[in-house]
């Protein structure tokens, strides 16, 4: 599933780096920590490889 915002894409990238052992798990905060614990490497890779161009900085809230 592709990321819906830039922040979501960046959080997925950080979580993926931790899963691969290139970043310490303790350095993760917020959304990236939740993604690390709940998603597989494949899911994180799909979300992290989403292009940022044209994405909003934050996901819009539903009203």
PDB file of N, CA and C in Angstrom:
ATOM      1  N   UNK A   1       0.842  -1.171   0.000  1.00  0.00           N
ATOM      2  CA  UNK A   1       0.000   0.000   0.000  1.00  0.00           C
ATOM      3  C   UNK A   1       0.887   1.233   0.000  1.00  0.00           C
ATOM      4  N   UNK A   2       0.653   2.150  -0.892  1.00  0.00           N
ATOM      5  CA  UNK A   2       1.492   3.345  -0.956  1.00  0.00           C
ATOM      6  C   UNK A   2       1.184   4.319   0.178  1.00  0.00           C
ATOM      7  N   UNK A   3       2.173   5.125   0.517  1.00  0.00           N
ATOM      8  CA  UNK A   3       2.001   6.135   1.559  1.00  0.00           C
ATOM      9  C   UNK A   3       1.060   7.228   1.067  1.00  0.00           C
ATOM     10  N   UNK A   4       0.291   7.814   1.981  1.00  0.00           N
ATOM     11  CA  UNK A   4      -0.660   8.858   1.632  1.00  0.00           C
ATOM     12  C   UNK A   4      -0.098  10.257   1.870  1.00  0.00           C
ATOM     13  N   UNK A   5       1.062  10.346   2.552  1.00  0.00           N
ATOM     14  CA  UNK A   5       1.668  11.652   2.803  1.00  0.00           C
ATOM     15  C   UNK A   5       3.187  11.514   2.898  1.00  0.00           C
ATOM     16  N   UNK A   6       3.869  12.650   2.875  1.00  0.00           N
ATOM     17  CA  UNK A   6       5.326  12.658   2.975  1.00  0.00           C
ATOM     18  C   UNK A   6       5.782  12.130   4.330  1.00  0.00           C
ATOM     19  N   UNK A   7       5.102  12.561   5.381  1.00  0.00           N
ATOM     20  CA  UNK A   7       5.479  12.134   6.725  1.00  0.00           C
ATOM     21  C   UNK A   7       5.315  10.631   6.900  1.00  0.00           C
ATOM     22  N   UNK A   8       4.253  10.074   6.338  1.00  0.00           N
ATOM     23  CA  UNK A   8       4.016   8.636   6.427  1.00  0.00           C
ATOM     24  C   UNK A   8       5.121   7.878   5.675  1.00  0.00           C
ATOM     25  N   UNK A   9       5.517   8.387   4.533  1.00  0.00           N
ATOM     26  CA  UNK A   9       6.564   7.759   3.735  1.00  0.00           C
ATOM     27  C   UNK A   9       7.905   7.799   4.479  1.00  0.00           C
ATOM     28  N   UNK A  10       8.193   8.917   5.103  1.00  0.00           N
ATOM     29  CA  UNK A  10       9.447   9.057   5.836  1.00  0.00           C
ATOM     30  C   UNK A  10       9.468   8.166   7.078  1.00  0.00           C
ATOM     31  N   UNK A  11       8.339   8.047   7.763  1.00  0.00           N
ATOM     32  CA  UNK A  11       8.255   7.179   8.941  1.00  0.00           C
ATOM     33  C   UNK A  11       8.457   5.717   8.542  1.00  0.00           C
ATOM     34  N   UNK A  12       7.890   5.339   7.420  1.00  0.00           N
ATOM     35  CA  UNK A  12       8.060   3.972   6.927  1.00  0.00           C
ATOM     36  C   UNK A  12       9.521   3.705   6.590  1.00  0.00           C
ATOM     37  N   UNK A  13      10.199   4.673   6.012  1.00  0.00           N
ATOM     38  CA  UNK A  13      11.620   4.538   5.699  1.00  0.00           C
ATOM     39  C   UNK A  13      12.472   4.352   6.951  1.00  0.00           C
ATOM     40  N   UNK A  14      12.154   5.093   7.990  1.00  0.00           N
ATOM     41  CA  UNK A  14      12.892   4.976   9.252  1.00  0.00           C
ATOM     42  C   UNK A  14      12.655   3.604   9.886  1.00  0.00           C
ATOM     43  N   UNK A  15      11.416   3.144   9.870  1.00  0.00           N
ATOM     44  CA  UNK A  15      11.088   1.834  10.430  1.00  0.00           C
ATOM     45  C   UNK A  15      11.764   0.720   9.638  1.00  0.00           C
ATOM     46  N   UNK A  16      11.802   0.866   8.329  1.00  0.00           N
ATOM     47  CA  UNK A  16      12.449  -0.129   7.477  1.00  0.00           C
ATOM     48  C   UNK A  16      13.949  -0.187   7.765  1.00  0.00           C
ATOM     49  N   UNK A  17      14.578   0.955   7.947  1.00  0.00           N
ATOM     50  CA  UNK A  17      16.007   0.997   8.269  1.00  0.00           C
ATOM     51  C   UNK A  17      16.280   0.267   9.583  1.00  0.00           C
ATOM     52  N   UNK A  18      15.402   0.435  10.554  1.00  0.00           N
ATOM     53  CA  UNK A  18      15.562  -0.253  11.838  1.00  0.00           C
ATOM     54  C   UNK A  18      15.380  -1.765  11.674  1.00  0.00           C
ATOM     55  N   UNK A  19      14.416  -2.172  10.862  1.00  0.00           N
ATOM     56  CA  UNK A  19      14.195  -3.603  10.609  1.00  0.00           C
ATOM     57  C   UNK A  19      15.410  -4.231   9.941  1.00  0.00           C
ATOM     58  N   UNK A  20      16.069  -3.469   9.071  1.00  0.00           N
ATOM     59  CA  UNK A  20      17.246  -3.978   8.363  1.00  0.00           C
ATOM     60  C   UNK A  20      18.509  -3.927   9.218  1.00  0.00           C
ATOM     61  N   UNK A  21      18.433  -3.267  10.376  1.00  0.00           N
ATOM     62  CA  UNK A  21      19.582  -3.181  11.268  1.00  0.00           C
ATOM     63  C   UNK A  21      20.506  -2.018  10.981  1.00  0.00           C
ATOM     64  N   UNK A  22      20.079  -1.083  10.152  1.00  0.00           N
ATOM     65  CA  UNK A  22      20.898   0.077   9.816  1.00  0.00           C
ATOM     66  C   UNK A  22      20.638   1.252  10.752  1.00  0.00           C
ATOM     67  N   UNK A  23      19.661   1.098  11.603  1.00  0.00           N
ATOM     68  CA  UNK A  23      19.298   2.143  12.558  1.00  0.00           C
ATOM     69  C   UNK A  23      18.857   1.456  13.844  1.00  0.00           C
ATOM     70  N   UNK A  24      19.106   2.072  14.992  1.00  0.00           N
ATOM     71  CA  UNK A  24      18.709   1.471  16.262  1.00  0.00           C
ATOM     72  C   UNK A  24      17.205   1.589  16.473  1.00  0.00           C
ATOM     73  N   UNK A  25      16.612   0.538  17.000  1.00  0.00           N
ATOM     74  CA  UNK A  25      15.176   0.545  17.275  1.00  0.00           C
ATOM     75  C   UNK A  25      14.842   1.634  18.302  1.00  0.00           C
ATOM     76  N   UNK A  26      15.741   1.861  19.233  1.00  0.00           N
ATOM     77  CA  UNK A  26      15.498   2.851  20.285  1.00  0.00           C
ATOM     78  C   UNK A  26      15.442   4.282  19.751  1.00  0.00           C
ATOM     79  N   UNK A  27      15.929   4.505  18.535  1.00  0.00           N
ATOM     80  CA  UNK A  27      15.899   5.856  17.956  1.00  0.00           C
ATOM     81  C   UNK A  27      14.543   6.188  17.332  1.00  0.00           C
ATOM     82  N   UNK A  28      13.670   5.192  17.209  1.00  0.00           N
ATOM     83  CA  UNK A  28      12.359   5.420  16.595  1.00  0.00           C
ATOM     84  C   UNK A  28      11.390   6.061  17.581  1.00  0.00           C
ATOM     85  N   UNK A  29      10.522   6.927  17.065  1.00  0.00           N
ATOM     86  CA  UNK A  29       9.500   7.583  17.883  1.00  0.00           C
ATOM     87  C   UNK A  29       8.188   7.587  17.124  1.00  0.00           C
ATOM     88  N   UNK A  30       7.101   7.702  17.834  1.00  0.00           N
ATOM     89  CA  UNK A  30       5.785   7.904  17.229  1.00  0.00           C
ATOM     90  C   UNK A  30       5.378   6.875  16.200  1.00  0.00           C
ATOM     91  N   UNK A  31       5.013   7.360  15.025  1.00  0.00           N
ATOM     92  CA  UNK A  31       4.471   6.515  13.968  1.00  0.00           C
ATOM     93  C   UNK A  31       5.473   5.466  13.493  1.00  0.00           C
ATOM     94  N   UNK A  32       6.747   5.844  13.395  1.00  0.00           N
ATOM     95  CA  UNK A  32       7.745   4.898  12.905  1.00  0.00           C
ATOM     96  C   UNK A  32       7.913   3.724  13.877  1.00  0.00           C
ATOM     97  N   UNK A  33       7.794   3.993  15.168  1.00  0.00           N
ATOM     98  CA  UNK A  33       7.896   2.922  16.169  1.00  0.00           C
ATOM     99  C   UNK A  33       6.714   1.961  16.039  1.00  0.00           C
ATOM    100  N   UNK A  34       5.526   2.510  15.831  1.00  0.00           N
ATOM    101  CA  UNK A  34       4.344   1.683  15.638  1.00  0.00           C
ATOM    102  C   UNK A  34       4.426   0.854  14.369  1.00  0.00           C
ATOM    103  N   UNK A  35       4.939   1.465  13.307  1.00  0.00           N
ATOM    104  CA  UNK A  35       5.107   0.745  12.044  1.00  0.00           C
ATOM    105  C   UNK A  35       6.124  -0.383  12.193  1.00  0.00           C
ATOM    106  N   UNK A  36       7.203  -0.125  12.915  1.00  0.00           N
ATOM    107  CA  UNK A  36       8.246  -1.129  13.123  1.00  0.00           C
ATOM    108  C   UNK A  36       7.657  -2.384  13.769  1.00  0.00           C
ATOM    109  N   UNK A  37       6.788  -2.168  14.759  1.00  0.00           N
ATOM    110  CA  UNK A  37       6.234  -3.288  15.512  1.00  0.00           C
ATOM    111  C   UNK A  37       5.100  -4.011  14.784  1.00  0.00           C
ATOM    112  N   UNK A  38       4.364  -3.307  13.938  1.00  0.00           N
ATOM    113  CA  UNK A  38       3.159  -3.901  13.368  1.00  0.00           C
ATOM    114  C   UNK A  38       3.252  -4.314  11.900  1.00  0.00           C
ATOM    115  N   UNK A  39       4.293  -3.898  11.197  1.00  0.00           N
ATOM    116  CA  UNK A  39       4.369  -4.173   9.762  1.00  0.00           C
ATOM    117  C   UNK A  39       5.580  -5.036   9.415  1.00  0.00           C
ATOM    118  N   UNK A  40       5.448  -5.787   8.338  1.00  0.00           N
ATOM    119  CA  UNK A  40       6.562  -6.612   7.861  1.00  0.00           C
ATOM    120  C   UNK A  40       7.505  -5.771   7.005  1.00  0.00           C
ATOM    121  N   UNK A  41       8.686  -6.324   6.696  1.00  0.00           N
ATOM    122  CA  UNK A  41       9.645  -5.621   5.846  1.00  0.00           C
ATOM    123  C   UNK A  41       9.047  -5.310   4.477  1.00  0.00           C
ATOM    124  N   UNK A  42       8.288  -6.258   3.931  1.00  0.00           N
ATOM    125  CA  UNK A  42       7.679  -6.074   2.611  1.00  0.00           C
ATOM    126  C   UNK A  42       6.690  -4.915   2.621  1.00  0.00           C
ATOM    127  N   UNK A  43       5.834  -4.861   3.639  1.00  0.00           N
ATOM    128  CA  UNK A  43       4.853  -3.773   3.744  1.00  0.00           C
ATOM    129  C   UNK A  43       5.560  -2.427   3.902  1.00  0.00           C
ATOM    130  N   UNK A  44       6.589  -2.401   4.741  1.00  0.00           N
ATOM    131  CA  UNK A  44       7.335  -1.156   4.956  1.00  0.00           C
ATOM    132  C   UNK A  44       8.032  -0.712   3.676  1.00  0.00           C
ATOM    133  N   UNK A  45       8.589  -1.651   2.941  1.00  0.00           N
ATOM    134  CA  UNK A  45       9.275  -1.309   1.694  1.00  0.00           C
ATOM    135  C   UNK A  45       8.311  -0.690   0.692  1.00  0.00           C
ATOM    136  N   UNK A  46       7.114  -1.281   0.562  1.00  0.00           N
ATOM    137  CA  UNK A  46       6.117  -0.737  -0.368  1.00  0.00           C
ATOM    138  C   UNK A  46       5.741   0.694   0.000  1.00  0.00           C
ATOM    139  N   UNK A  47       5.593   0.936   1.300  1.00  0.00           N
ATOM    140  CA  UNK A  47       5.202   2.268   1.747  1.00  0.00           C
ATOM    141  C   UNK A  47       6.362   3.255   1.617  1.00  0.00           C
ATOM    142  N   UNK A  48       7.565   2.811   1.914  1.00  0.00           N
ATOM    143  CA  UNK A  48       8.725   3.701   1.885  1.00  0.00           C
ATOM    144  C   UNK A  48       9.144   4.065   0.466  1.00  0.00           C
ATOM    145  N   UNK A  49       8.885   3.211  -0.506  1.00  0.00           N
ATOM    146  CA  UNK A  49       9.324   3.505  -1.868  1.00  0.00           C
ATOM    147  C   UNK A  49       8.355   4.410  -2.629  1.00  0.00           C
ATOM    148  N   UNK A  50       7.266   4.818  -2.014  1.00  0.00           N
ATOM    149  CA  UNK A  50       6.316   5.739  -2.626  1.00  0.00           C
ATOM    150  C   UNK A  50       7.007   7.059  -2.933  1.00  0.00           C
ATOM    151  N   UNK A  51       6.784   7.591  -4.096  1.00  0.00           N
ATOM    152  CA  UNK A  51       7.356   8.879  -4.475  1.00  0.00           C
ATOM    153  C   UNK A  51       6.694   9.992  -3.660  1.00  0.00           C
ATOM    154  N   UNK A  52       7.472  10.960  -3.231  1.00  0.00           N
ATOM    155  CA  UNK A  52       6.934  12.056  -2.416  1.00  0.00           C
ATOM    156  C   UNK A  52       6.329  13.180  -3.246  1.00  0.00           C
ATOM    157  N   UNK A  53       6.700  13.262  -4.493  1.00  0.00           N
ATOM    158  CA  UNK A  53       6.226  14.362  -5.333  1.00  0.00           C
ATOM    159  C   UNK A  53       4.695  14.347  -5.422  1.00  0.00           C
ATOM    160  N   UNK A  54       4.087  15.489  -5.142  1.00  0.00           N
ATOM    161  CA  UNK A  54       2.638  15.611  -5.238  1.00  0.00           C
ATOM    162  C   UNK A  54       1.878  15.155  -4.002  1.00  0.00           C
ATOM    163  N   UNK A  55       2.580  14.653  -2.996  1.00  0.00           N
ATOM    164  CA  UNK A  55       1.921  14.207  -1.770  1.00  0.00           C
ATOM    165  C   UNK A  55       1.802  15.375  -0.790  1.00  0.00           C
ATOM    166  N   UNK A  56       0.728  15.403  -0.015  1.00  0.00           N
ATOM    167  CA  UNK A  56       0.638  16.441   1.014  1.00  0.00           C
ATOM    168  C   UNK A  56       1.622  16.142   2.137  1.00  0.00           C
ATOM    169  N   UNK A  57       2.006  17.149   2.902  1.00  0.00           N
ATOM    170  CA  UNK A  57       2.927  16.931   4.019  1.00  0.00           C
ATOM    171  C   UNK A  57       2.289  16.033   5.057  1.00  0.00           C
ATOM    172  N   UNK A  58       1.013  16.277   5.330  1.00  0.00           N
ATOM    173  CA  UNK A  58       0.273  15.454   6.280  1.00  0.00           C
ATOM    174  C   UNK A  58      -1.005  14.944   5.629  1.00  0.00           C
ATOM    175  N   UNK A  59      -1.453  13.798   6.086  1.00  0.00           N
ATOM    176  CA  UNK A  59      -2.692  13.226   5.586  1.00  0.00           C
ATOM    177  C   UNK A  59      -3.871  14.098   6.050  1.00  0.00           C
ATOM    178  N   UNK A  60      -4.809  14.347   5.159  1.00  0.00           N
ATOM    179  CA  UNK A  60      -5.968  15.173   5.475  1.00  0.00           C
ATOM    180  C   UNK A  60      -6.934  14.410   6.388  1.00  0.00           C
ATOM    181  N   UNK A  61      -7.500  15.096   7.376  1.00  0.00           N
ATOM    182  CA  UNK A  61      -8.482  14.480   8.266  1.00  0.00           C
ATOM    183  C   UNK A  61      -9.829  14.425   7.571  1.00  0.00           C
ATOM    184  N   UNK A  62     -10.559  13.344   7.817  1.00  0.00           N
ATOM    185  CA  UNK A  62     -11.906  13.222   7.254  1.00  0.00           C
ATOM    186  C   UNK A  62     -12.865  14.000   8.128  1.00  0.00           C
ATOM    187  N   UNK A  63     -13.803  14.665   7.501  1.00  0.00           N
ATOM    188  CA  UNK A  63     -14.787  15.450   8.275  1.00  0.00           C
ATOM    189  C   UNK A  63     -16.129  14.838   8.210  1.00  0.00           C
TER     190      UNK A  63
END
